[in-house]
Amino acid sequence: MSKEIKQLAIVSGKGGTGKTTIAAAFAALAKNKVMVDCDVDAADLHLLLRPRVLKQEKYFGKRSPHVDLDKCTQCGICTEVCRFNAIDNGVVNYISCEGCGFCLHVCPENAIMMEEAFSGDWFVSETPYGPFVHARLGIGEENSGKLVTVVRKQATEIAKEKNLNLILIDGPPGIGCPVTASITGVNVVLAVTEPTLSGIHDLERILKLSDHFKIPSMVCINKFDLNLENSDKISFYCEKNGSQLLGKIPYEPKVVEALVNRKTVMDYPCNEVQRIIQRMWEQMETVLTQ
């Protein structure tokens, strides 16, 4: 009988809080898991996991107009109706085009067709820590939420195939569409924050999002000792709103050294940070197995 697959999403209300650092550390500690980098707009977990790509697939996330110039009479109707100024007498500016398809419907000569457009790539890789699914969205491309769904689905298939019982998700920052796609249906959300005013504000937003989807949330304060007053505010907010404070990590220059050397903090001498993250993972394991 296959095991129940649990899913943990590590997120942050803003970028730069240390979310990927924690995700990579948990990847080094967790067993029987598949890892997913859902920050497809600016993926960087692969820098620490050192993946060897086994499979690469193209991602088509939108549709773009293609004009049959043999049929086009350059009547100018498509130009008139396009509010994005993306088509001029049958010549498409793909940077400005939003793919709405209005030009297709108004063309009297049926000279315009909507075709799938290449938006990026997704990968299945092997790492020293286990299987890893990640992606790279093209420059300026949209629909990152759809690509997140693609990589999560692939991770679930790998977990079932290999009888793994955990999907470890490194989510994108913020609260937008890719974040929603990253946390929907997970068992626990771990929000990584920092003791700054922007960190507190954005933590509140991400916790409200997880609460909206009725997903249990936990919090990690990274570099908590840089501002003890703000760290206390975060602790009070967690207590007041029912989010468990999983751990507080002090500022440690050795963590930066680890990242520069493309090592997880569990594979580099990072002093007390390693012991704290080890305890955090042990608590998280207990929650995931309940």
C-alpha atoms as a PDB file:
ATOM      1  CA  MET A   1       0.000   0.000   0.000  1.00  0.00           C
ATOM      2  CA  SER A   2       1.369   3.434  -0.956  1.00  0.00           C
ATOM      3  CA  LYS A   3       2.026   5.914   1.824  1.00  0.00           C
ATOM      4  CA  GLU A   4       0.036   9.097   2.276  1.00  0.00           C
ATOM      5  CA  ILE A   5       1.909  11.947   0.619  1.00  0.00           C
ATOM      6  CA  LYS A   6       2.297  15.008   2.844  1.00  0.00           C
ATOM      7  CA  GLN A   7       3.145  18.423   1.396  1.00  0.00           C
ATOM      8  CA  LEU A   8       5.052  21.250   3.074  1.00  0.00           C
ATOM      9  CA  ALA A   9       5.250  24.676   1.410  1.00  0.00           C
ATOM     10  CA  ILE A  10       7.958  27.078   2.573  1.00  0.00           C
ATOM     11  CA  VAL A  11       6.958  30.619   1.644  1.00  0.00           C
ATOM     12  CA  SER A  12       7.567  34.246   2.545  1.00  0.00           C
ATOM     13  CA  GLY A  13       5.587  37.419   2.168  1.00  0.00           C
ATOM     14  CA  LYS A  14       8.619  39.120   0.625  1.00  0.00           C
ATOM     15  CA  GLY A  15      11.831  38.092  -1.069  1.00  0.00           C
ATOM     16  CA  GLY A  16      15.175  37.827   0.697  1.00  0.00           C
ATOM     17  CA  THR A  17      13.991  36.456   4.032  1.00  0.00           C
ATOM     18  CA  GLY A  18      15.951  33.189   3.762  1.00  0.00           C
ATOM     19  CA  LYS A  19      13.123  30.987   2.509  1.00  0.00           C
ATOM     20  CA  THR A  20      15.253  29.058   0.023  1.00  0.00           C
ATOM     21  CA  THR A  21      18.033  28.683   2.599  1.00  0.00           C
ATOM     22  CA  ILE A  22      15.578  26.979   4.967  1.00  0.00           C
ATOM     23  CA  ALA A  23      14.103  24.884   2.145  1.00  0.00           C
ATOM     24  CA  ALA A  24      17.573  23.635   1.159  1.00  0.00           C
ATOM     25  CA  ALA A  25      18.403  22.832   4.791  1.00  0.00           C
ATOM     26  CA  PHE A  26      15.193  20.830   5.164  1.00  0.00           C
ATOM     27  CA  ALA A  27      16.027  19.057   1.888  1.00  0.00           C
ATOM     28  CA  ALA A  28      19.294  17.921   3.461  1.00  0.00           C
ATOM     29  CA  LEU A  29      17.475  16.644   6.574  1.00  0.00           C
ATOM     30  CA  ALA A  30      14.270  15.126   5.200  1.00  0.00           C
ATOM     31  CA  LYS A  31      14.046  11.561   3.941  1.00  0.00           C
ATOM     32  CA  ASN A  32      11.778   9.958   1.336  1.00  0.00           C
ATOM     33  CA  LYS A  33      10.872  13.232  -0.334  1.00  0.00           C
ATOM     34  CA  VAL A  34      10.742  14.995  -3.670  1.00  0.00           C
ATOM     35  CA  MET A  35      11.670  18.662  -3.810  1.00  0.00           C
ATOM     36  CA  VAL A  36       9.952  21.321  -5.901  1.00  0.00           C
ATOM     37  CA  ASP A  37      11.047  24.869  -6.661  1.00  0.00           C
ATOM     38  CA  CYS A  38       7.799  26.737  -7.324  1.00  0.00           C
ATOM     39  CA  ASP A  39       9.507  30.113  -7.639  1.00  0.00           C
ATOM     40  CA  VAL A  40       9.481  29.674 -11.409  1.00  0.00           C
ATOM     41  CA  ASP A  41       9.964  33.400 -12.099  1.00  0.00           C
ATOM     42  CA  ALA A  42      13.323  33.493 -10.289  1.00  0.00           C
ATOM     43  CA  ALA A  43      14.272  29.928  -9.331  1.00  0.00           C
ATOM     44  CA  ASP A  44      17.426  29.544  -7.238  1.00  0.00           C
ATOM     45  CA  LEU A  45      17.046  26.376  -5.160  1.00  0.00           C
ATOM     46  CA  HIS A  46      18.982  24.528  -7.863  1.00  0.00           C
ATOM     47  CA  LEU A  47      22.067  26.586  -6.962  1.00  0.00           C
ATOM     48  CA  LEU A  48      22.268  24.738  -3.634  1.00  0.00           C
ATOM     49  CA  LEU A  49      20.936  21.318  -4.654  1.00  0.00           C
ATOM     50  CA  ARG A  50      23.309  20.940  -7.643  1.00  0.00           C
ATOM     51  CA  PRO A  51      20.849  18.999  -9.831  1.00  0.00           C
ATOM     52  CA  ARG A  52      21.655  16.688 -12.706  1.00  0.00           C
ATOM     53  CA  VAL A  53      18.885  17.143 -15.255  1.00  0.00           C
ATOM     54  CA  LEU A  54      17.217  13.881 -16.300  1.00  0.00           C
ATOM     55  CA  LYS A  55      14.285  15.314 -18.232  1.00  0.00           C
ATOM     56  CA  GLN A  56      13.516  18.670 -19.840  1.00  0.00           C
ATOM     57  CA  GLU A  57      10.130  19.650 -21.253  1.00  0.00           C
ATOM     58  CA  LYS A  58       8.905  22.792 -22.963  1.00  0.00           C
ATOM     59  CA  TYR A  59       6.093  24.764 -21.353  1.00  0.00           C
ATOM     60  CA  PHE A  60       3.440  26.473 -23.451  1.00  0.00           C
ATOM     61  CA  GLY A  61       1.555  28.783 -21.119  1.00  0.00           C
ATOM     62  CA  LYS A  62      -0.246  31.177 -23.420  1.00  0.00           C
ATOM     63  CA  ARG A  63      -1.630  31.707 -26.905  1.00  0.00           C
ATOM     64  CA  SER A  64      -0.385  34.264 -29.414  1.00  0.00           C
ATOM     65  CA  PRO A  65      -1.896  35.440 -32.724  1.00  0.00           C
ATOM     66  CA  HIS A  66      -0.397  34.243 -35.965  1.00  0.00           C
ATOM     67  CA  VAL A  67      -1.349  36.136 -39.118  1.00  0.00           C
ATOM     68  CA  ASP A  68      -1.641  34.462 -42.527  1.00  0.00           C
ATOM     69  CA  LEU A  69      -0.250  37.289 -44.639  1.00  0.00           C
ATOM     70  CA  ASP A  70      -1.577  35.675 -47.827  1.00  0.00           C
ATOM     71  CA  LYS A  71      -5.121  36.195 -46.514  1.00  0.00           C
ATOM     72  CA  CYS A  72      -4.520  39.519 -44.753  1.00  0.00           C
ATOM     73  CA  THR A  73      -5.832  42.531 -46.736  1.00  0.00           C
ATOM     74  CA  GLN A  74      -4.451  45.058 -44.228  1.00  0.00           C
ATOM     75  CA  CYS A  75      -7.924  46.421 -43.613  1.00  0.00           C
ATOM     76  CA  GLY A  76      -6.819  47.788 -40.241  1.00  0.00           C
ATOM     77  CA  ILE A  77      -9.734  46.443 -38.192  1.00  0.00           C
ATOM     78  CA  CYS A  78      -7.434  44.435 -35.913  1.00  0.00           C
ATOM     79  CA  THR A  79      -5.357  47.557 -35.314  1.00  0.00           C
ATOM     80  CA  GLU A  80      -8.447  49.568 -34.381  1.00  0.00           C
ATOM     81  CA  VAL A  81      -9.769  47.113 -31.794  1.00  0.00           C
ATOM     82  CA  CYS A  82      -6.469  46.192 -30.084  1.00  0.00           C
ATOM     83  CA  ARG A  83      -6.303  48.256 -26.898  1.00  0.00           C
ATOM     84  CA  PHE A  84      -2.699  47.144 -26.337  1.00  0.00           C
ATOM     85  CA  ASN A  85      -1.451  48.485 -29.710  1.00  0.00           C
ATOM     86  CA  ALA A  86      -0.007  45.029 -30.313  1.00  0.00           C
ATOM     87  CA  ILE A  87      -0.985  44.552 -33.960  1.00  0.00           C
ATOM     88  CA  ASP A  88      -0.558  46.916 -36.902  1.00  0.00           C
ATOM     89  CA  ASN A  89      -2.209  45.812 -40.140  1.00  0.00           C
ATOM     90  CA  GLY A  90      -1.380  42.183 -39.521  1.00  0.00           C
ATOM     91  CA  VAL A  91       2.076  42.691 -37.989  1.00  0.00           C
ATOM     92  CA  VAL A  92       2.112  41.495 -34.353  1.00  0.00           C
ATOM     93  CA  ASN A  93       4.212  43.010 -31.574  1.00  0.00           C
ATOM     94  CA  TYR A  94       4.483  39.951 -29.329  1.00  0.00           C
ATOM     95  CA  ILE A  95       5.934  41.945 -26.432  1.00  0.00           C
ATOM     96  CA  SER A  96       2.799  44.091 -26.219  1.00  0.00           C
ATOM     97  CA  CYS A  97       0.330  41.290 -27.030  1.00  0.00           C
ATOM     98  CA  GLU A  98      -1.747  39.973 -24.121  1.00  0.00           C
ATOM     99  CA  GLY A  99      -3.105  36.994 -26.060  1.00  0.00           C
ATOM    100  CA  CYS A 100      -6.760  37.998 -25.627  1.00  0.00           C
ATOM    101  CA  GLY A 101      -7.728  36.839 -29.132  1.00  0.00           C
ATOM    102  CA  PHE A 102      -9.961  39.827 -29.951  1.00  0.00           C
ATOM    103  CA  CYS A 103      -8.172  40.339 -33.279  1.00  0.00           C
ATOM    104  CA  LEU A 104      -9.042  36.772 -34.275  1.00  0.00           C
ATOM    105  CA  HIS A 105     -12.756  37.365 -33.775  1.00  0.00           C
ATOM    106  CA  VAL A 106     -12.959  40.638 -35.714  1.00  0.00           C
ATOM    107  CA  CYS A 107     -10.818  39.697 -38.721  1.00  0.00           C
ATOM    108  CA  PRO A 108     -13.176  39.593 -41.744  1.00  0.00           C
ATOM    109  CA  GLU A 109     -10.763  37.439 -43.756  1.00  0.00           C
ATOM    110  CA  ASN A 110     -10.174  34.802 -41.029  1.00  0.00           C
ATOM    111  CA  ALA A 111      -6.492  35.513 -41.458  1.00  0.00           C
ATOM    112  CA  ILE A 112      -5.616  35.311 -37.758  1.00  0.00           C
ATOM    113  CA  MET A 113      -5.168  32.135 -35.726  1.00  0.00           C
ATOM    114  CA  MET A 114      -4.254  31.730 -32.068  1.00  0.00           C
ATOM    115  CA  GLU A 115      -1.334  29.368 -31.541  1.00  0.00           C
ATOM    116  CA  GLU A 116       0.322  28.058 -28.388  1.00  0.00           C
ATOM    117  CA  ALA A 117       3.409  30.059 -27.502  1.00  0.00           C
ATOM    118  CA  PHE A 118       6.587  28.780 -25.868  1.00  0.00           C
ATOM    119  CA  SER A 119       6.884  30.262 -22.364  1.00  0.00           C
ATOM    120  CA  GLY A 120       9.691  28.342 -20.663  1.00  0.00           C
ATOM    121  CA  ASP A 121      10.996  24.933 -19.599  1.00  0.00           C
ATOM    122  CA  TRP A 122      10.485  22.568 -16.693  1.00  0.00           C
ATOM    123  CA  PHE A 123      12.904  19.936 -15.489  1.00  0.00           C
ATOM    124  CA  VAL A 124      13.080  16.708 -13.547  1.00  0.00           C
ATOM    125  CA  SER A 125      16.491  16.295 -11.932  1.00  0.00           C
ATOM    126  CA  GLU A 126      18.399  14.093  -9.543  1.00  0.00           C
ATOM    127  CA  THR A 127      20.288  15.664  -6.642  1.00  0.00           C
ATOM    128  CA  PRO A 128      22.392  14.376  -3.722  1.00  0.00           C
ATOM    129  CA  TYR A 129      19.224  14.834  -1.643  1.00  0.00           C
ATOM    130  CA  GLY A 130      16.723  13.095  -3.932  1.00  0.00           C
ATOM    131  CA  PRO A 131      14.504  13.894  -6.929  1.00  0.00           C
ATOM    132  CA  PHE A 132      13.900  17.545  -7.744  1.00  0.00           C
ATOM    133  CA  VAL A 133      11.376  19.261 -10.033  1.00  0.00           C
ATOM    134  CA  HIS A 134      12.037  22.829 -11.110  1.00  0.00           C
ATOM    135  CA  ALA A 135      11.334  25.235 -13.958  1.00  0.00           C
ATOM    136  CA  ARG A 136      12.521  28.318 -15.765  1.00  0.00           C
ATOM    137  CA  LEU A 137       9.946  30.786 -17.048  1.00  0.00           C
ATOM    138  CA  GLY A 138      11.001  32.780 -20.105  1.00  0.00           C
ATOM    139  CA  ILE A 139      12.025  36.424 -19.766  1.00  0.00           C
ATOM    140  CA  GLY A 140       8.949  38.626 -19.462  1.00  0.00           C
ATOM    141  CA  GLU A 141       6.582  35.641 -19.672  1.00  0.00           C
ATOM    142  CA  GLU A 142       3.404  35.345 -17.642  1.00  0.00           C
ATOM    143  CA  ASN A 143       1.159  32.536 -16.359  1.00  0.00           C
ATOM    144  CA  SER A 144       3.704  31.472 -13.749  1.00  0.00           C
ATOM    145  CA  GLY A 145       0.803  30.082 -11.679  1.00  0.00           C
ATOM    146  CA  LYS A 146       0.063  27.567 -14.428  1.00  0.00           C
ATOM    147  CA  LEU A 147       3.710  26.524 -14.554  1.00  0.00           C
ATOM    148  CA  VAL A 148       3.700  26.057 -10.758  1.00  0.00           C
ATOM    149  CA  THR A 149       0.756  23.682 -11.190  1.00  0.00           C
ATOM    150  CA  VAL A 150       2.699  21.756 -13.838  1.00  0.00           C
ATOM    151  CA  VAL A 151       5.766  21.201 -11.629  1.00  0.00           C
ATOM    152  CA  ARG A 152       3.657  20.308  -8.578  1.00  0.00           C
ATOM    153  CA  LYS A 153       1.729  17.745 -10.599  1.00  0.00           C
ATOM    154  CA  GLN A 154       4.984  16.232 -11.838  1.00  0.00           C
ATOM    155  CA  ALA A 155       6.319  16.067  -8.273  1.00  0.00           C
ATOM    156  CA  THR A 156       3.192  14.238  -7.137  1.00  0.00           C
ATOM    157  CA  GLU A 157       3.625  11.693  -9.931  1.00  0.00           C
ATOM    158  CA  ILE A 158       7.252  11.109  -8.910  1.00  0.00           C
ATOM    159  CA  ALA A 159       6.267  10.720  -5.252  1.00  0.00           C
ATOM    160  CA  LYS A 160       3.677   8.096  -6.182  1.00  0.00           C
ATOM    161  CA  GLU A 161       6.036   6.283  -8.545  1.00  0.00           C
ATOM    162  CA  LYS A 162       8.905   6.144  -6.044  1.00  0.00           C
ATOM    163  CA  ASN A 163       6.655   5.645  -2.982  1.00  0.00           C
ATOM    164  CA  LEU A 164       7.869   8.848  -1.339  1.00  0.00           C
ATOM    165  CA  ASN A 165       5.817  10.357   1.452  1.00  0.00           C
ATOM    166  CA  LEU A 166       6.788  14.044   1.366  1.00  0.00           C
ATOM    167  CA  ILE A 167       6.726  16.847  -1.204  1.00  0.00           C
ATOM    168  CA  LEU A 168       8.938  19.724  -0.058  1.00  0.00           C
ATOM    169  CA  ILE A 169       7.968  22.953  -1.827  1.00  0.00           C
ATOM    170  CA  ASP A 170      10.135  26.054  -2.033  1.00  0.00           C
ATOM    171  CA  GLY A 171       7.472  28.623  -2.849  1.00  0.00           C
ATOM    172  CA  PRO A 172       7.715  32.063  -4.446  1.00  0.00           C
ATOM    173  CA  PRO A 173       7.588  35.267  -2.394  1.00  0.00           C
ATOM    174  CA  GLY A 174       4.501  37.461  -2.074  1.00  0.00           C
ATOM    175  CA  ILE A 175       0.821  36.522  -2.143  1.00  0.00           C
ATOM    176  CA  GLY A 176       0.098  36.487  -5.884  1.00  0.00           C
ATOM    177  CA  CYS A 177      -1.088  33.790  -8.277  1.00  0.00           C
ATOM    178  CA  PRO A 178       2.089  31.635  -8.156  1.00  0.00           C
ATOM    179  CA  VAL A 179       1.948  31.617  -4.339  1.00  0.00           C
ATOM    180  CA  THR A 180      -1.696  30.550  -4.369  1.00  0.00           C
ATOM    181  CA  ALA A 181      -0.804  27.785  -6.831  1.00  0.00           C
ATOM    182  CA  SER A 182       2.073  26.722  -4.548  1.00  0.00           C
ATOM    183  CA  ILE A 183       0.121  26.371  -1.295  1.00  0.00           C
ATOM    184  CA  THR A 184      -3.249  25.086  -2.467  1.00  0.00           C
ATOM    185  CA  GLY A 185      -3.824  21.634  -0.992  1.00  0.00           C
ATOM    186  CA  VAL A 186      -0.644  21.450   1.111  1.00  0.00           C
ATOM    187  CA  ASN A 187      -0.673  20.143   4.676  1.00  0.00           C
ATOM    188  CA  VAL A 188       1.418  22.881   6.294  1.00  0.00           C
ATOM    189  CA  VAL A 189       2.691  26.328   5.311  1.00  0.00           C
ATOM    190  CA  LEU A 190       5.958  27.514   6.861  1.00  0.00           C
ATOM    191  CA  ALA A 191       6.324  31.288   6.527  1.00  0.00           C
ATOM    192  CA  VAL A 192       9.877  32.591   6.821  1.00  0.00           C
ATOM    193  CA  THR A 193      10.126  36.212   7.925  1.00  0.00           C
ATOM    194  CA  GLU A 194      12.628  38.734   9.231  1.00  0.00           C
ATOM    195  CA  PRO A 195      12.334  41.313  12.042  1.00  0.00           C
ATOM    196  CA  THR A 196      11.759  44.362   9.856  1.00  0.00           C
ATOM    197  CA  LEU A 197       8.639  46.447   9.336  1.00  0.00           C
ATOM    198  CA  SER A 198       8.236  45.167   5.778  1.00  0.00           C
ATOM    199  CA  GLY A 199       8.865  41.627   7.001  1.00  0.00           C
ATOM    200  CA  ILE A 200       6.102  41.921   9.605  1.00  0.00           C
ATOM    201  CA  HIS A 201       3.661  43.476   7.140  1.00  0.00           C
ATOM    202  CA  ASP A 202       4.229  40.830   4.483  1.00  0.00           C
ATOM    203  CA  LEU A 203       4.148  38.009   7.037  1.00  0.00           C
ATOM    204  CA  GLU A 204       0.664  39.130   8.035  1.00  0.00           C
ATOM    205  CA  ARG A 205      -0.412  38.994   4.386  1.00  0.00           C
ATOM    206  CA  ILE A 206       0.897  35.476   3.753  1.00  0.00           C
ATOM    207  CA  LEU A 207      -0.613  34.150   6.990  1.00  0.00           C
ATOM    208  CA  LYS A 208      -3.979  35.644   6.044  1.00  0.00           C
ATOM    209  CA  LEU A 209      -3.692  33.888   2.679  1.00  0.00           C
ATOM    210  CA  SER A 210      -2.986  30.500   4.288  1.00  0.00           C
ATOM    211  CA  ASP A 211      -5.834  31.104   6.733  1.00  0.00           C
ATOM    212  CA  HIS A 212      -8.143  31.846   3.789  1.00  0.00           C
ATOM    213  CA  PHE A 213      -7.397  28.377   2.409  1.00  0.00           C
ATOM    214  CA  LYS A 214      -7.639  26.874   5.908  1.00  0.00           C
ATOM    215  CA  ILE A 215      -4.048  25.625   5.815  1.00  0.00           C
ATOM    216  CA  PRO A 216      -2.207  25.289   9.152  1.00  0.00           C
ATOM    217  CA  SER A 217       0.667  27.782   9.304  1.00  0.00           C
ATOM    218  CA  MET A 218       3.953  27.952  11.160  1.00  0.00           C
ATOM    219  CA  VAL A 219       6.508  30.760  11.304  1.00  0.00           C
ATOM    220  CA  CYS A 220      10.294  30.988  11.345  1.00  0.00           C
ATOM    221  CA  ILE A 221      11.990  34.292  12.227  1.00  0.00           C
ATOM    222  CA  ASN A 222      15.312  34.508  10.416  1.00  0.00           C
ATOM    223  CA  LYS A 223      18.061  36.799  11.805  1.00  0.00           C
ATOM    224  CA  PHE A 224      15.797  37.443  14.773  1.00  0.00           C
ATOM    225  CA  ASP A 225      18.538  39.060  16.876  1.00  0.00           C
ATOM    226  CA  LEU A 226      18.951  42.009  14.487  1.00  0.00           C
ATOM    227  CA  ASN A 227      15.847  43.608  16.009  1.00  0.00           C
ATOM    228  CA  LEU A 228      14.566  41.956  19.166  1.00  0.00           C
ATOM    229  CA  GLU A 229      11.657  44.363  19.503  1.00  0.00           C
ATOM    230  CA  ASN A 230      10.283  43.443  16.079  1.00  0.00           C
ATOM    231  CA  SER A 231      10.924  39.756  16.763  1.00  0.00           C
ATOM    232  CA  ASP A 232       8.788  40.069  19.900  1.00  0.00           C
ATOM    233  CA  LYS A 233       6.047  41.696  17.801  1.00  0.00           C
ATOM    234  CA  ILE A 234       6.124  38.734  15.415  1.00  0.00           C
ATOM    235  CA  SER A 235       5.997  36.248  18.300  1.00  0.00           C
ATOM    236  CA  PHE A 236       2.992  38.083  19.775  1.00  0.00           C
ATOM    237  CA  TYR A 237       1.242  38.162  16.402  1.00  0.00           C
ATOM    238  CA  CYS A 238       1.751  34.401  15.976  1.00  0.00           C
ATOM    239  CA  GLU A 239       0.408  33.675  19.446  1.00  0.00           C
ATOM    240  CA  LYS A 240      -2.592  35.928  18.896  1.00  0.00           C
ATOM    241  CA  ASN A 241      -3.482  34.445  15.508  1.00  0.00           C
ATOM    242  CA  GLY A 242      -2.830  30.761  16.124  1.00  0.00           C
ATOM    243  CA  SER A 243       0.331  30.321  14.061  1.00  0.00           C
ATOM    244  CA  GLN A 244       2.983  28.227  15.785  1.00  0.00           C
ATOM    245  CA  LEU A 245       6.422  29.839  16.018  1.00  0.00           C
ATOM    246  CA  LEU A 246       8.625  27.007  14.805  1.00  0.00           C
ATOM    247  CA  GLY A 247      11.970  28.639  15.452  1.00  0.00           C
ATOM    248  CA  LYS A 248      14.135  31.758  15.654  1.00  0.00           C
ATOM    249  CA  ILE A 249      17.422  31.741  13.760  1.00  0.00           C
ATOM    250  CA  PRO A 250      20.167  34.227  14.732  1.00  0.00           C
ATOM    251  CA  TYR A 251      22.216  36.211  12.257  1.00  0.00           C
ATOM    252  CA  GLU A 252      25.236  34.124  11.307  1.00  0.00           C
ATOM    253  CA  PRO A 253      27.870  35.246   8.725  1.00  0.00           C
ATOM    254  CA  LYS A 254      28.777  31.587   8.138  1.00  0.00           C
ATOM    255  CA  VAL A 255      25.375  31.141   6.447  1.00  0.00           C
ATOM    256  CA  VAL A 256      26.466  33.602   3.756  1.00  0.00           C
ATOM    257  CA  GLU A 257      29.709  31.667   3.334  1.00  0.00           C
ATOM    258  CA  ALA A 258      27.718  28.467   2.878  1.00  0.00           C
ATOM    259  CA  LEU A 259      25.569  30.015   0.161  1.00  0.00           C
ATOM    260  CA  VAL A 260      28.583  31.481  -1.638  1.00  0.00           C
ATOM    261  CA  ASN A 261      30.067  27.985  -1.671  1.00  0.00           C
ATOM    262  CA  ARG A 262      26.749  26.523  -2.947  1.00  0.00           C
ATOM    263  CA  LYS A 263      26.272  24.488   0.224  1.00  0.00           C
ATOM    264  CA  THR A 264      23.215  24.063   2.376  1.00  0.00           C
ATOM    265  CA  VAL A 265      23.664  25.269   5.957  1.00  0.00           C
ATOM    266  CA  MET A 266      23.548  21.611   7.032  1.00  0.00           C
ATOM    267  CA  ASP A 267      26.590  20.841   4.850  1.00  0.00           C
ATOM    268  CA  TYR A 268      28.741  23.723   6.041  1.00  0.00           C
ATOM    269  CA  PRO A 269      29.967  24.681   9.540  1.00  0.00           C
ATOM    270  CA  CYS A 270      27.287  27.231  10.492  1.00  0.00           C
ATOM    271  CA  ASN A 271      27.608  26.903  14.261  1.00  0.00           C
ATOM    272  CA  GLU A 272      24.373  27.245  16.229  1.00  0.00           C
ATOM    273  CA  VAL A 273      22.217  27.647  13.100  1.00  0.00           C
ATOM    274  CA  GLN A 274      22.548  23.954  12.288  1.00  0.00           C
ATOM    275  CA  ARG A 275      21.288  22.871  15.707  1.00  0.00           C
ATOM    276  CA  ILE A 276      18.329  25.256  15.542  1.00  0.00           C
ATOM    277  CA  ILE A 277      17.282  24.111  12.080  1.00  0.00           C
ATOM    278  CA  GLN A 278      17.696  20.469  13.151  1.00  0.00           C
ATOM    279  CA  ARG A 279      15.250  21.080  16.021  1.00  0.00           C
ATOM    280  CA  MET A 280      12.901  22.947  13.689  1.00  0.00           C
ATOM    281  CA  TRP A 281      12.839  19.995  11.297  1.00  0.00           C
ATOM    282  CA  GLU A 282      12.213  17.518  14.102  1.00  0.00           C
ATOM    283  CA  GLN A 283       9.180  19.559  15.199  1.00  0.00           C
ATOM    284  CA  MET A 284       7.979  19.867  11.613  1.00  0.00           C
ATOM    285  CA  GLU A 285       8.314  16.097  11.121  1.00  0.00           C
ATOM    286  CA  THR A 286       6.087  15.556  14.128  1.00  0.00           C
ATOM    287  CA  VAL A 287       3.442  17.875  12.704  1.00  0.00           C
ATOM    288  CA  LEU A 288       3.565  16.225   9.267  1.00  0.00           C
ATOM    289  CA  THR A 289       3.171  12.739  10.688  1.00  0.00           C
ATOM    290  CA  GLN A 290       0.100  13.584  12.758  1.00  0.00           C
END
